N, C-alpha and C. Protein backbone atom coordinates (compact mmCIF):
# COMPACT_ATOMS: atom_id res chain seq x y z
N MET A 1 20.18 -26.03 -21.82
CA MET A 1 21.10 -26.41 -20.74
C MET A 1 21.12 -25.36 -19.62
N ARG A 2 20.76 -24.13 -19.97
CA ARG A 2 20.78 -23.08 -18.97
C ARG A 2 19.77 -23.34 -17.85
N ARG A 3 18.71 -24.07 -18.18
CA ARG A 3 17.69 -24.39 -17.19
C ARG A 3 17.84 -25.81 -16.66
N GLU A 4 18.32 -26.72 -17.50
CA GLU A 4 18.40 -28.12 -17.10
C GLU A 4 19.44 -28.35 -16.01
N ILE A 5 20.58 -27.65 -16.08
CA ILE A 5 21.64 -27.85 -15.08
C ILE A 5 21.21 -27.41 -13.69
N PRO A 6 20.67 -26.18 -13.51
CA PRO A 6 20.18 -25.82 -12.16
C PRO A 6 19.08 -26.74 -11.67
N LEU A 7 18.20 -27.18 -12.59
CA LEU A 7 17.12 -28.08 -12.19
C LEU A 7 17.68 -29.42 -11.73
N GLY A 8 18.68 -29.94 -12.44
CA GLY A 8 19.30 -31.20 -12.05
C GLY A 8 20.01 -31.09 -10.71
N ILE A 9 20.69 -29.97 -10.46
CA ILE A 9 21.36 -29.77 -9.18
C ILE A 9 20.34 -29.73 -8.04
N THR A 10 19.22 -29.04 -8.26
CA THR A 10 18.18 -28.96 -7.23
C THR A 10 17.61 -30.33 -6.91
N ILE A 11 17.30 -31.12 -7.94
CA ILE A 11 16.74 -32.46 -7.73
C ILE A 11 17.74 -33.35 -7.00
N PHE A 12 19.01 -33.31 -7.42
CA PHE A 12 20.03 -34.15 -6.81
C PHE A 12 20.25 -33.80 -5.34
N VAL A 13 20.41 -32.52 -5.04
CA VAL A 13 20.66 -32.09 -3.66
C VAL A 13 19.43 -32.35 -2.80
N GLY A 14 18.23 -32.13 -3.34
CA GLY A 14 17.02 -32.36 -2.59
C GLY A 14 16.86 -33.81 -2.17
N PHE A 15 17.05 -34.73 -3.13
CA PHE A 15 16.95 -36.15 -2.81
C PHE A 15 18.06 -36.58 -1.86
N LEU A 16 19.26 -36.02 -2.04
CA LEU A 16 20.37 -36.37 -1.16
C LEU A 16 20.10 -35.92 0.27
N ALA A 17 19.51 -34.74 0.44
CA ALA A 17 19.19 -34.24 1.78
C ALA A 17 18.15 -35.13 2.46
N ILE A 18 17.16 -35.58 1.70
CA ILE A 18 16.13 -36.46 2.27
C ILE A 18 16.73 -37.81 2.66
N VAL A 19 17.53 -38.40 1.77
CA VAL A 19 18.12 -39.71 2.04
C VAL A 19 19.09 -39.63 3.22
N SER A 20 19.90 -38.56 3.30
CA SER A 20 20.86 -38.44 4.39
C SER A 20 20.17 -38.24 5.74
N PHE A 21 18.97 -37.67 5.73
CA PHE A 21 18.24 -37.46 6.98
C PHE A 21 17.72 -38.78 7.53
N PHE A 22 17.29 -39.68 6.65
CA PHE A 22 16.73 -40.95 7.10
C PHE A 22 17.74 -42.09 7.08
N SER A 23 18.97 -41.83 6.60
CA SER A 23 19.98 -42.87 6.53
C SER A 23 21.20 -42.44 7.34
N PRO A 24 21.43 -43.03 8.52
CA PRO A 24 22.56 -42.63 9.36
C PRO A 24 23.92 -42.69 8.67
N PRO A 25 24.23 -43.68 7.82
CA PRO A 25 25.55 -43.68 7.17
C PRO A 25 25.81 -42.45 6.32
N LEU A 26 24.76 -41.84 5.78
CA LEU A 26 24.93 -40.67 4.93
C LEU A 26 24.68 -39.36 5.66
N GLU A 27 24.57 -39.44 6.98
CA GLU A 27 24.27 -38.23 7.76
C GLU A 27 25.39 -37.20 7.63
N GLY A 28 26.63 -37.66 7.62
CA GLY A 28 27.76 -36.74 7.48
C GLY A 28 27.74 -36.02 6.16
N LEU A 29 27.32 -36.71 5.10
CA LEU A 29 27.25 -36.08 3.78
C LEU A 29 26.21 -34.96 3.77
N GLY A 30 25.09 -35.20 4.44
CA GLY A 30 24.08 -34.16 4.53
C GLY A 30 24.58 -32.94 5.28
N GLU A 31 25.38 -33.16 6.33
CA GLU A 31 25.95 -32.03 7.07
C GLU A 31 26.93 -31.25 6.21
N ASP A 32 27.69 -31.96 5.35
CA ASP A 32 28.61 -31.26 4.44
C ASP A 32 27.84 -30.36 3.48
N PHE A 33 26.72 -30.84 2.97
CA PHE A 33 25.92 -30.02 2.07
C PHE A 33 25.32 -28.82 2.81
N THR A 34 25.06 -28.98 4.10
CA THR A 34 24.56 -27.85 4.89
C THR A 34 25.60 -26.74 4.94
N LEU A 35 26.88 -27.09 5.00
CA LEU A 35 27.94 -26.09 4.96
C LEU A 35 27.93 -25.33 3.65
N PHE A 36 27.67 -26.03 2.55
CA PHE A 36 27.58 -25.35 1.26
C PHE A 36 26.40 -24.38 1.23
N PHE A 37 25.31 -24.76 1.89
CA PHE A 37 24.16 -23.85 1.98
C PHE A 37 24.54 -22.58 2.72
N ASP A 38 25.35 -22.71 3.78
CA ASP A 38 25.79 -21.54 4.53
C ASP A 38 26.67 -20.64 3.66
N ILE A 39 27.50 -21.24 2.83
CA ILE A 39 28.36 -20.45 1.93
C ILE A 39 27.51 -19.68 0.93
N ILE A 40 26.48 -20.33 0.40
CA ILE A 40 25.58 -19.64 -0.53
C ILE A 40 24.85 -18.51 0.17
N ALA A 41 24.49 -18.72 1.44
CA ALA A 41 23.80 -17.67 2.20
C ALA A 41 24.68 -16.44 2.37
N VAL A 42 26.01 -16.64 2.47
CA VAL A 42 26.92 -15.50 2.58
C VAL A 42 26.83 -14.62 1.33
N PHE A 43 26.75 -15.26 0.16
CA PHE A 43 26.62 -14.47 -1.07
C PHE A 43 25.30 -13.70 -1.10
N ALA A 44 24.29 -14.23 -0.42
CA ALA A 44 23.01 -13.50 -0.34
C ALA A 44 23.18 -12.19 0.41
N PHE A 45 24.09 -12.16 1.40
CA PHE A 45 24.36 -10.92 2.11
C PHE A 45 24.98 -9.89 1.17
N PHE A 46 25.92 -10.33 0.34
CA PHE A 46 26.52 -9.42 -0.64
C PHE A 46 25.47 -8.90 -1.61
N LEU A 47 24.59 -9.79 -2.04
CA LEU A 47 23.53 -9.39 -2.97
C LEU A 47 22.59 -8.38 -2.32
N GLY A 48 22.21 -8.64 -1.05
CA GLY A 48 21.32 -7.72 -0.35
C GLY A 48 21.96 -6.37 -0.14
N GLY A 49 23.25 -6.35 0.27
CA GLY A 49 23.94 -5.07 0.45
C GLY A 49 24.09 -4.30 -0.84
N GLY A 50 24.45 -5.00 -1.91
CA GLY A 50 24.57 -4.33 -3.21
C GLY A 50 23.25 -3.77 -3.70
N ASN A 51 22.19 -4.51 -3.48
CA ASN A 51 20.86 -4.04 -3.88
C ASN A 51 20.44 -2.81 -3.06
N LEU A 52 20.78 -2.81 -1.77
CA LEU A 52 20.49 -1.65 -0.93
C LEU A 52 21.21 -0.40 -1.44
N VAL A 53 22.48 -0.55 -1.75
CA VAL A 53 23.26 0.58 -2.26
C VAL A 53 22.72 1.05 -3.61
N ARG A 54 22.36 0.12 -4.48
CA ARG A 54 21.86 0.48 -5.82
C ARG A 54 20.57 1.27 -5.73
N ILE A 55 19.64 0.81 -4.90
CA ILE A 55 18.33 1.46 -4.80
C ILE A 55 18.47 2.87 -4.23
N HIS A 56 19.23 3.01 -3.15
CA HIS A 56 19.34 4.32 -2.51
C HIS A 56 20.24 5.27 -3.30
N ALA A 57 21.25 4.74 -3.98
CA ALA A 57 22.07 5.60 -4.83
C ALA A 57 21.25 6.15 -5.99
N ASP A 58 20.42 5.31 -6.59
CA ASP A 58 19.54 5.76 -7.67
C ASP A 58 18.55 6.81 -7.17
N LYS A 59 18.02 6.60 -5.97
CA LYS A 59 17.07 7.56 -5.39
C LYS A 59 17.76 8.88 -5.08
N LEU A 60 19.01 8.82 -4.68
CA LEU A 60 19.77 10.02 -4.35
C LEU A 60 20.15 10.80 -5.60
N ILE A 61 20.58 10.09 -6.64
CA ILE A 61 21.00 10.75 -7.88
C ILE A 61 19.82 11.44 -8.56
N LYS A 62 18.68 10.77 -8.58
CA LYS A 62 17.50 11.32 -9.26
C LYS A 62 16.67 12.24 -8.37
N ARG A 63 17.14 12.46 -7.12
CA ARG A 63 16.44 13.35 -6.19
C ARG A 63 14.96 12.99 -6.06
N LYS A 64 14.69 11.72 -5.82
CA LYS A 64 13.31 11.28 -5.65
C LYS A 64 12.77 11.71 -4.29
N THR A 65 11.51 11.40 -4.04
CA THR A 65 10.88 11.80 -2.79
C THR A 65 11.62 11.21 -1.59
N ASP A 66 11.88 12.04 -0.58
CA ASP A 66 12.58 11.64 0.65
C ASP A 66 13.99 11.15 0.37
N TRP A 67 14.65 11.73 -0.64
CA TRP A 67 16.01 11.29 -0.98
C TRP A 67 17.00 11.58 0.14
N ILE A 68 16.66 12.53 1.02
CA ILE A 68 17.57 12.87 2.10
C ILE A 68 17.78 11.68 3.04
N TYR A 69 16.74 10.83 3.17
CA TYR A 69 16.87 9.66 4.03
C TYR A 69 17.81 8.61 3.42
N SER A 70 17.95 8.65 2.11
CA SER A 70 18.89 7.73 1.45
C SER A 70 20.32 8.06 1.86
N ILE A 71 20.60 9.36 2.06
CA ILE A 71 21.95 9.74 2.52
C ILE A 71 22.22 9.13 3.90
N VAL A 72 21.23 9.24 4.78
CA VAL A 72 21.38 8.67 6.13
C VAL A 72 21.59 7.17 6.06
N THR A 73 20.82 6.51 5.19
CA THR A 73 20.94 5.05 5.06
C THR A 73 22.31 4.65 4.55
N LEU A 74 22.80 5.32 3.50
CA LEU A 74 24.09 4.97 2.91
C LEU A 74 25.24 5.29 3.86
N VAL A 75 25.16 6.43 4.56
CA VAL A 75 26.22 6.78 5.51
C VAL A 75 26.26 5.76 6.65
N GLY A 76 25.08 5.38 7.16
CA GLY A 76 25.03 4.38 8.22
C GLY A 76 25.53 3.03 7.76
N PHE A 77 25.15 2.63 6.53
CA PHE A 77 25.56 1.33 6.00
C PHE A 77 27.07 1.25 5.84
N PHE A 78 27.66 2.24 5.15
CA PHE A 78 29.10 2.20 4.89
C PHE A 78 29.89 2.48 6.17
N GLY A 79 29.34 3.28 7.08
CA GLY A 79 30.02 3.54 8.34
C GLY A 79 30.14 2.28 9.18
N MET A 80 29.03 1.55 9.35
CA MET A 80 29.07 0.32 10.13
C MET A 80 29.89 -0.76 9.42
N LEU A 81 29.82 -0.79 8.09
CA LEU A 81 30.60 -1.77 7.33
C LEU A 81 32.10 -1.53 7.52
N THR A 82 32.51 -0.27 7.44
CA THR A 82 33.92 0.07 7.63
C THR A 82 34.38 -0.22 9.06
N ALA A 83 33.54 0.15 10.04
CA ALA A 83 33.91 -0.10 11.43
C ALA A 83 34.02 -1.58 11.73
N GLY A 84 33.17 -2.39 11.08
CA GLY A 84 33.21 -3.82 11.33
C GLY A 84 34.34 -4.52 10.60
N LEU A 85 34.59 -4.13 9.34
CA LEU A 85 35.63 -4.79 8.55
C LEU A 85 37.03 -4.48 9.07
N PHE A 86 37.27 -3.22 9.39
CA PHE A 86 38.61 -2.82 9.82
C PHE A 86 38.75 -2.77 11.33
N LYS A 87 37.66 -3.08 12.06
CA LYS A 87 37.68 -3.16 13.52
C LYS A 87 38.31 -1.90 14.13
N ILE A 88 37.75 -0.77 13.73
CA ILE A 88 38.27 0.52 14.19
C ILE A 88 38.00 0.68 15.69
N GLY A 89 39.02 1.06 16.40
CA GLY A 89 38.88 1.30 17.84
C GLY A 89 38.86 0.05 18.70
N ASN A 90 39.10 -1.11 18.10
CA ASN A 90 39.11 -2.33 18.91
C ASN A 90 40.26 -2.30 19.91
N PRO A 91 40.02 -2.71 21.17
CA PRO A 91 41.07 -2.65 22.18
C PRO A 91 42.23 -3.61 21.91
N GLY A 92 41.99 -4.68 21.16
CA GLY A 92 43.04 -5.65 20.87
C GLY A 92 43.51 -5.56 19.43
N ASP A 93 43.99 -6.70 18.90
CA ASP A 93 44.45 -6.73 17.52
C ASP A 93 43.29 -7.07 16.60
N ILE A 94 43.60 -7.39 15.34
CA ILE A 94 42.58 -7.65 14.32
C ILE A 94 41.78 -8.90 14.62
N SER A 95 42.31 -9.79 15.47
CA SER A 95 41.59 -11.02 15.80
C SER A 95 40.54 -10.83 16.88
N THR A 96 40.50 -9.64 17.49
CA THR A 96 39.52 -9.37 18.54
C THR A 96 38.12 -9.30 17.94
N SER A 97 37.12 -9.68 18.72
CA SER A 97 35.74 -9.65 18.24
C SER A 97 35.32 -8.25 17.84
N VAL A 98 34.51 -8.17 16.80
CA VAL A 98 34.06 -6.87 16.30
C VAL A 98 33.17 -6.17 17.32
N THR A 99 32.55 -6.94 18.22
CA THR A 99 31.67 -6.36 19.23
C THR A 99 32.37 -6.15 20.57
N ALA A 100 33.70 -6.15 20.56
CA ALA A 100 34.44 -5.96 21.81
C ALA A 100 34.12 -4.59 22.41
N PRO A 101 33.98 -4.51 23.74
CA PRO A 101 33.69 -3.21 24.37
C PRO A 101 34.74 -2.16 24.01
N GLY A 102 34.28 -0.97 23.64
CA GLY A 102 35.18 0.12 23.27
C GLY A 102 35.40 0.26 21.78
N SER A 103 35.05 -0.77 20.99
CA SER A 103 35.22 -0.67 19.54
C SER A 103 34.20 0.30 18.96
N LEU A 104 34.52 0.89 17.81
CA LEU A 104 33.61 1.84 17.17
C LEU A 104 32.29 1.17 16.80
N PHE A 105 32.37 -0.07 16.34
CA PHE A 105 31.15 -0.81 15.99
C PHE A 105 30.24 -0.95 17.20
N SER A 106 30.82 -1.33 18.33
CA SER A 106 30.05 -1.52 19.55
C SER A 106 29.47 -0.19 20.05
N VAL A 107 30.26 0.88 19.99
CA VAL A 107 29.80 2.20 20.45
C VAL A 107 28.63 2.68 19.61
N VAL A 108 28.75 2.58 18.29
CA VAL A 108 27.67 3.04 17.40
C VAL A 108 26.42 2.19 17.59
N TYR A 109 26.61 0.88 17.75
CA TYR A 109 25.45 0.00 17.91
C TYR A 109 24.69 0.30 19.19
N TYR A 110 25.39 0.39 20.31
CA TYR A 110 24.71 0.56 21.59
C TYR A 110 24.22 1.99 21.83
N ASN A 111 24.82 2.98 21.16
CA ASN A 111 24.44 4.37 21.39
C ASN A 111 23.55 4.95 20.30
N PHE A 112 23.47 4.30 19.15
CA PHE A 112 22.64 4.81 18.07
C PHE A 112 21.61 3.78 17.59
N SER A 113 22.10 2.63 17.15
CA SER A 113 21.20 1.63 16.56
C SER A 113 20.21 1.08 17.57
N LEU A 114 20.67 0.71 18.74
CA LEU A 114 19.79 0.13 19.76
C LEU A 114 18.73 1.12 20.24
N PRO A 115 19.08 2.37 20.58
CA PRO A 115 18.03 3.33 20.96
C PRO A 115 17.04 3.62 19.83
N LEU A 116 17.52 3.67 18.59
CA LEU A 116 16.60 3.90 17.47
C LEU A 116 15.63 2.74 17.32
N GLY A 117 16.12 1.51 17.51
CA GLY A 117 15.24 0.36 17.45
C GLY A 117 14.19 0.38 18.55
N SER A 118 14.61 0.78 19.75
CA SER A 118 13.65 0.88 20.86
C SER A 118 12.60 1.95 20.58
N THR A 119 13.03 3.06 19.98
CA THR A 119 12.08 4.12 19.63
C THR A 119 11.07 3.62 18.61
N MET A 120 11.56 2.87 17.63
CA MET A 120 10.67 2.35 16.59
C MET A 120 9.62 1.40 17.19
N TYR A 121 10.06 0.52 18.08
CA TYR A 121 9.12 -0.39 18.74
C TYR A 121 8.12 0.37 19.60
N ALA A 122 8.58 1.45 20.25
CA ALA A 122 7.67 2.25 21.06
C ALA A 122 6.60 2.91 20.20
N LEU A 123 6.98 3.38 19.01
CA LEU A 123 6.00 3.98 18.10
C LEU A 123 5.03 2.93 17.57
N LEU A 124 5.55 1.71 17.34
CA LEU A 124 4.68 0.64 16.84
C LEU A 124 3.61 0.26 17.85
N ALA A 125 3.86 0.53 19.13
CA ALA A 125 2.86 0.19 20.15
C ALA A 125 1.55 0.92 19.90
N PHE A 126 1.61 2.16 19.43
CA PHE A 126 0.39 2.91 19.16
C PHE A 126 -0.37 2.30 17.98
N TYR A 127 0.37 1.84 16.95
CA TYR A 127 -0.29 1.20 15.81
C TYR A 127 -0.89 -0.15 16.22
N VAL A 128 -0.20 -0.87 17.11
CA VAL A 128 -0.73 -2.15 17.60
C VAL A 128 -2.00 -1.92 18.39
N ALA A 129 -2.01 -0.86 19.22
CA ALA A 129 -3.20 -0.56 20.00
C ALA A 129 -4.38 -0.20 19.09
N SER A 130 -4.11 0.56 18.02
CA SER A 130 -5.16 0.92 17.08
C SER A 130 -5.69 -0.31 16.34
N ALA A 131 -4.78 -1.18 15.91
CA ALA A 131 -5.21 -2.40 15.21
C ALA A 131 -5.96 -3.33 16.15
N SER A 132 -5.54 -3.39 17.42
CA SER A 132 -6.24 -4.25 18.39
C SER A 132 -7.66 -3.75 18.64
N TYR A 133 -7.82 -2.43 18.67
CA TYR A 133 -9.17 -1.87 18.87
C TYR A 133 -10.09 -2.27 17.73
N ARG A 134 -9.57 -2.23 16.51
CA ARG A 134 -10.41 -2.60 15.35
C ARG A 134 -10.67 -4.10 15.32
N ALA A 135 -9.67 -4.89 15.74
CA ALA A 135 -9.81 -6.36 15.65
C ALA A 135 -10.67 -6.92 16.77
N PHE A 136 -10.65 -6.27 17.94
CA PHE A 136 -11.31 -6.83 19.11
C PHE A 136 -12.73 -6.32 19.30
N ARG A 137 -13.26 -5.57 18.36
CA ARG A 137 -14.65 -5.15 18.51
C ARG A 137 -15.58 -6.37 18.40
N ALA A 138 -16.51 -6.47 19.32
CA ALA A 138 -17.37 -7.66 19.41
C ALA A 138 -18.45 -7.61 18.33
N LYS A 139 -18.03 -7.83 17.10
CA LYS A 139 -18.99 -7.79 15.98
C LYS A 139 -19.71 -9.13 15.82
N ASN A 140 -19.09 -10.21 16.25
CA ASN A 140 -19.71 -11.53 16.16
C ASN A 140 -19.22 -12.39 17.32
N ARG A 141 -19.60 -13.66 17.33
CA ARG A 141 -19.26 -14.54 18.44
C ARG A 141 -17.76 -14.75 18.55
N GLU A 142 -17.09 -14.99 17.41
CA GLU A 142 -15.64 -15.24 17.43
C GLU A 142 -14.88 -14.02 17.94
N ALA A 143 -15.29 -12.82 17.47
CA ALA A 143 -14.63 -11.60 17.92
C ALA A 143 -14.85 -11.36 19.40
N THR A 144 -16.02 -11.75 19.91
CA THR A 144 -16.30 -11.60 21.34
C THR A 144 -15.39 -12.50 22.17
N VAL A 145 -15.20 -13.74 21.73
CA VAL A 145 -14.30 -14.67 22.43
C VAL A 145 -12.87 -14.12 22.42
N LEU A 146 -12.44 -13.60 21.28
CA LEU A 146 -11.10 -13.02 21.17
C LEU A 146 -10.95 -11.82 22.10
N LEU A 147 -11.99 -10.98 22.16
CA LEU A 147 -11.95 -9.80 23.02
C LEU A 147 -11.84 -10.20 24.49
N VAL A 148 -12.65 -11.17 24.92
CA VAL A 148 -12.63 -11.59 26.33
C VAL A 148 -11.29 -12.22 26.69
N ALA A 149 -10.75 -13.08 25.80
CA ALA A 149 -9.46 -13.72 26.07
C ALA A 149 -8.34 -12.69 26.15
N ALA A 150 -8.35 -11.74 25.23
CA ALA A 150 -7.31 -10.70 25.26
C ALA A 150 -7.41 -9.86 26.52
N PHE A 151 -8.64 -9.54 26.94
CA PHE A 151 -8.83 -8.73 28.13
C PHE A 151 -8.33 -9.46 29.37
N ILE A 152 -8.59 -10.78 29.45
CA ILE A 152 -8.13 -11.57 30.60
C ILE A 152 -6.60 -11.63 30.63
N ILE A 153 -5.99 -11.82 29.47
CA ILE A 153 -4.52 -11.91 29.42
C ILE A 153 -3.89 -10.58 29.80
N LEU A 154 -4.47 -9.48 29.33
CA LEU A 154 -3.94 -8.17 29.69
C LEU A 154 -4.07 -7.92 31.19
N LEU A 155 -5.23 -8.26 31.76
CA LEU A 155 -5.42 -8.08 33.20
C LEU A 155 -4.50 -9.00 34.01
N GLY A 156 -4.28 -10.21 33.48
CA GLY A 156 -3.41 -11.15 34.19
C GLY A 156 -1.97 -10.73 34.25
N SER A 157 -1.59 -9.78 33.42
CA SER A 157 -0.20 -9.29 33.41
C SER A 157 -0.01 -8.06 34.28
N THR A 158 -1.06 -7.64 34.98
CA THR A 158 -0.99 -6.43 35.79
C THR A 158 -1.29 -6.75 37.25
N PRO A 159 -0.78 -5.95 38.17
CA PRO A 159 -1.12 -6.15 39.60
C PRO A 159 -2.62 -5.98 39.87
N PHE A 160 -3.29 -5.15 39.07
CA PHE A 160 -4.72 -4.94 39.28
C PHE A 160 -5.51 -6.23 39.05
N GLY A 161 -5.09 -7.04 38.05
CA GLY A 161 -5.76 -8.30 37.80
C GLY A 161 -5.60 -9.27 38.95
N THR A 162 -4.41 -9.29 39.56
CA THR A 162 -4.19 -10.15 40.74
C THR A 162 -5.04 -9.70 41.92
N MET A 163 -5.10 -8.40 42.13
CA MET A 163 -5.88 -7.87 43.24
C MET A 163 -7.38 -8.08 43.03
N LEU A 164 -7.82 -8.06 41.78
CA LEU A 164 -9.25 -8.14 41.49
C LEU A 164 -9.85 -9.48 41.88
N THR A 165 -9.06 -10.54 41.76
CA THR A 165 -9.60 -11.88 42.04
C THR A 165 -8.87 -12.57 43.18
N SER A 166 -8.20 -11.81 44.02
CA SER A 166 -7.45 -12.41 45.12
C SER A 166 -8.36 -13.02 46.18
N TRP A 167 -9.64 -12.63 46.17
CA TRP A 167 -10.58 -13.13 47.17
C TRP A 167 -11.06 -14.56 46.87
N ILE A 168 -10.81 -15.06 45.64
CA ILE A 168 -11.26 -16.40 45.26
C ILE A 168 -10.45 -17.44 46.05
N PRO A 169 -11.09 -18.41 46.68
CA PRO A 169 -10.35 -19.43 47.49
C PRO A 169 -9.43 -20.26 46.62
N HIS A 170 -8.43 -20.85 47.27
CA HIS A 170 -7.40 -21.62 46.56
C HIS A 170 -7.97 -22.86 45.88
N SER A 171 -9.08 -23.38 46.38
CA SER A 171 -9.68 -24.55 45.73
C SER A 171 -10.21 -24.22 44.34
N PHE A 172 -10.44 -22.93 44.07
CA PHE A 172 -10.90 -22.49 42.75
C PHE A 172 -9.91 -21.49 42.15
N ASP A 173 -8.60 -21.71 42.43
CA ASP A 173 -7.61 -20.72 42.00
C ASP A 173 -7.48 -20.62 40.48
N ILE A 174 -8.03 -21.59 39.73
CA ILE A 174 -8.00 -21.49 38.28
C ILE A 174 -8.83 -20.31 37.80
N LEU A 175 -9.79 -19.86 38.63
CA LEU A 175 -10.65 -18.74 38.27
C LEU A 175 -9.99 -17.39 38.55
N GLN A 176 -8.86 -17.41 39.25
CA GLN A 176 -8.13 -16.16 39.45
C GLN A 176 -7.55 -15.70 38.11
N ILE A 177 -7.63 -14.41 37.85
CA ILE A 177 -7.29 -13.89 36.52
C ILE A 177 -5.86 -14.25 36.09
N PRO A 178 -4.82 -14.12 36.91
CA PRO A 178 -3.48 -14.52 36.46
C PRO A 178 -3.40 -15.99 36.06
N ASN A 179 -4.02 -16.88 36.87
CA ASN A 179 -4.01 -18.31 36.53
C ASN A 179 -4.84 -18.59 35.28
N LEU A 180 -5.94 -17.87 35.14
CA LEU A 180 -6.77 -18.05 33.94
C LEU A 180 -6.03 -17.60 32.69
N ALA A 181 -5.26 -16.52 32.83
CA ALA A 181 -4.46 -16.05 31.69
C ALA A 181 -3.40 -17.07 31.30
N VAL A 182 -2.76 -17.68 32.30
CA VAL A 182 -1.76 -18.72 32.02
C VAL A 182 -2.41 -19.91 31.34
N TRP A 183 -3.61 -20.30 31.79
CA TRP A 183 -4.30 -21.43 31.17
C TRP A 183 -4.67 -21.13 29.72
N ILE A 184 -5.11 -19.91 29.43
CA ILE A 184 -5.46 -19.55 28.05
C ILE A 184 -4.23 -19.63 27.15
N LEU A 185 -3.09 -19.16 27.65
CA LEU A 185 -1.87 -19.18 26.85
C LEU A 185 -1.32 -20.59 26.68
N SER A 186 -1.46 -21.44 27.71
CA SER A 186 -0.85 -22.77 27.66
C SER A 186 -1.76 -23.85 27.10
N SER A 187 -3.05 -23.58 26.94
CA SER A 187 -3.97 -24.59 26.42
C SER A 187 -4.62 -24.18 25.09
N PRO A 188 -5.64 -23.32 25.08
CA PRO A 188 -6.26 -22.98 23.78
C PRO A 188 -5.30 -22.29 22.82
N ASN A 189 -4.50 -21.36 23.35
CA ASN A 189 -3.57 -20.64 22.48
C ASN A 189 -2.50 -21.58 21.91
N LEU A 190 -1.96 -22.45 22.77
CA LEU A 190 -0.93 -23.39 22.32
C LEU A 190 -1.49 -24.38 21.31
N ALA A 191 -2.75 -24.80 21.51
CA ALA A 191 -3.38 -25.71 20.54
C ALA A 191 -3.51 -25.04 19.18
N GLY A 192 -3.91 -23.78 19.18
CA GLY A 192 -4.01 -23.05 17.91
C GLY A 192 -2.66 -22.88 17.25
N GLN A 193 -1.62 -22.59 18.05
CA GLN A 193 -0.27 -22.45 17.50
C GLN A 193 0.21 -23.76 16.88
N ARG A 194 -0.08 -24.87 17.54
CA ARG A 194 0.36 -26.17 17.01
C ARG A 194 -0.35 -26.47 15.69
N ALA A 195 -1.65 -26.12 15.61
CA ALA A 195 -2.36 -26.33 14.35
C ALA A 195 -1.74 -25.50 13.23
N ILE A 196 -1.38 -24.26 13.54
CA ILE A 196 -0.75 -23.40 12.54
C ILE A 196 0.60 -23.98 12.12
N MET A 197 1.39 -24.45 13.11
CA MET A 197 2.70 -25.02 12.79
C MET A 197 2.58 -26.28 11.94
N ILE A 198 1.56 -27.11 12.22
CA ILE A 198 1.34 -28.30 11.39
C ILE A 198 1.01 -27.89 9.96
N GLY A 199 0.16 -26.87 9.82
CA GLY A 199 -0.17 -26.38 8.48
C GLY A 199 1.06 -25.84 7.75
N ILE A 200 1.91 -25.10 8.48
CA ILE A 200 3.14 -24.57 7.89
C ILE A 200 4.06 -25.71 7.47
N GLY A 201 4.17 -26.74 8.34
CA GLY A 201 5.01 -27.89 8.01
C GLY A 201 4.54 -28.62 6.76
N LEU A 202 3.21 -28.81 6.64
CA LEU A 202 2.68 -29.46 5.44
C LEU A 202 2.94 -28.61 4.20
N GLY A 203 2.83 -27.30 4.36
CA GLY A 203 3.11 -26.42 3.22
C GLY A 203 4.57 -26.49 2.81
N VAL A 204 5.49 -26.54 3.79
CA VAL A 204 6.91 -26.65 3.48
C VAL A 204 7.21 -27.97 2.77
N VAL A 205 6.63 -29.07 3.26
CA VAL A 205 6.84 -30.38 2.62
C VAL A 205 6.30 -30.37 1.20
N SER A 206 5.11 -29.80 1.02
CA SER A 206 4.51 -29.74 -0.31
C SER A 206 5.37 -28.95 -1.28
N MET A 207 5.83 -27.76 -0.85
CA MET A 207 6.65 -26.94 -1.74
C MET A 207 8.01 -27.59 -2.00
N SER A 208 8.58 -28.24 -0.98
CA SER A 208 9.86 -28.93 -1.17
C SER A 208 9.74 -30.04 -2.19
N LEU A 209 8.66 -30.82 -2.12
CA LEU A 209 8.46 -31.90 -3.09
C LEU A 209 8.26 -31.33 -4.49
N ARG A 210 7.57 -30.22 -4.61
CA ARG A 210 7.38 -29.59 -5.92
C ARG A 210 8.72 -29.15 -6.51
N LEU A 211 9.60 -28.65 -5.64
CA LEU A 211 10.93 -28.23 -6.12
C LEU A 211 11.79 -29.42 -6.49
N ILE A 212 11.79 -30.46 -5.63
CA ILE A 212 12.63 -31.62 -5.88
C ILE A 212 12.19 -32.38 -7.13
N LEU A 213 10.88 -32.48 -7.34
CA LEU A 213 10.36 -33.21 -8.50
C LEU A 213 10.35 -32.37 -9.77
N GLY A 214 10.78 -31.11 -9.66
CA GLY A 214 10.85 -30.27 -10.85
C GLY A 214 9.53 -29.69 -11.28
N ILE A 215 8.50 -29.77 -10.44
CA ILE A 215 7.20 -29.20 -10.80
C ILE A 215 7.22 -27.68 -10.66
N GLU A 216 7.83 -27.21 -9.58
CA GLU A 216 7.94 -25.77 -9.34
C GLU A 216 9.26 -25.28 -9.92
N ARG A 217 9.19 -24.40 -10.94
CA ARG A 217 10.41 -23.94 -11.61
C ARG A 217 10.50 -22.43 -11.66
N THR A 218 9.75 -21.72 -10.84
CA THR A 218 9.77 -20.27 -10.92
C THR A 218 11.13 -19.69 -10.53
N TYR A 219 11.92 -20.42 -9.71
CA TYR A 219 13.24 -19.92 -9.30
C TYR A 219 14.21 -19.89 -10.46
N LEU A 220 13.86 -20.55 -11.58
CA LEU A 220 14.73 -20.56 -12.75
C LEU A 220 14.57 -19.32 -13.62
N GLY A 221 13.55 -18.51 -13.33
CA GLY A 221 13.34 -17.32 -14.13
C GLY A 221 12.29 -17.56 -15.22
N ASP A 222 12.30 -16.67 -16.20
CA ASP A 222 11.33 -16.73 -17.29
C ASP A 222 11.54 -17.98 -18.12
N ASP A 223 10.44 -18.55 -18.61
CA ASP A 223 10.53 -19.76 -19.45
C ASP A 223 11.08 -19.47 -20.83
N ARG A 224 11.06 -18.23 -21.24
CA ARG A 224 11.51 -17.90 -22.59
C ARG A 224 13.03 -17.94 -22.67
N GLY A 225 13.56 -18.32 -23.79
CA GLY A 225 14.99 -18.27 -24.04
C GLY A 225 15.71 -19.54 -23.70
């Protein structure tokens, strides 16, 4: 029964979601179940936070490698959690938004978290450039096409690219680098993205049917017991 009950709930809710999507009279029922999904997602936040504390507390107690960073993580986590829950420094009462200007949560976010995120993205730019160099080497025909397309898009985003082909007459303005970059993004690139999205959609449908029909049971845990 420990496995049959969750499996039965999954099958029932899955079929109900499909029927409510294609049956207008049951559309409201499907929306009600969506609210239950949101409630379950809230518990996932508690689980994620508890797991974060457990991992870093264990690393701190056992003095594992780079344990000093666990202190920073735990202090930041509990600091932001306290500032958000108790709305410390909020200009109004407890009903005021946690992100109200002047609140401790807002001050810490805009003065610490946001600049740190920008710094991280700036550092990632060097890794992206290194990976692009390795990926765009013209080792074969496909890599050459990728290299040329990337070069055109990069040039099309700069004033130099506009100046380089500004002499081309308007009757052939598609050959101007900025326009050519827009065409690459809106035609070949978009076609590739749509093919990927179709593949993702088929994969989601396939996995959903496996879950609803009870074929996929890995979410139930080990088969033993």
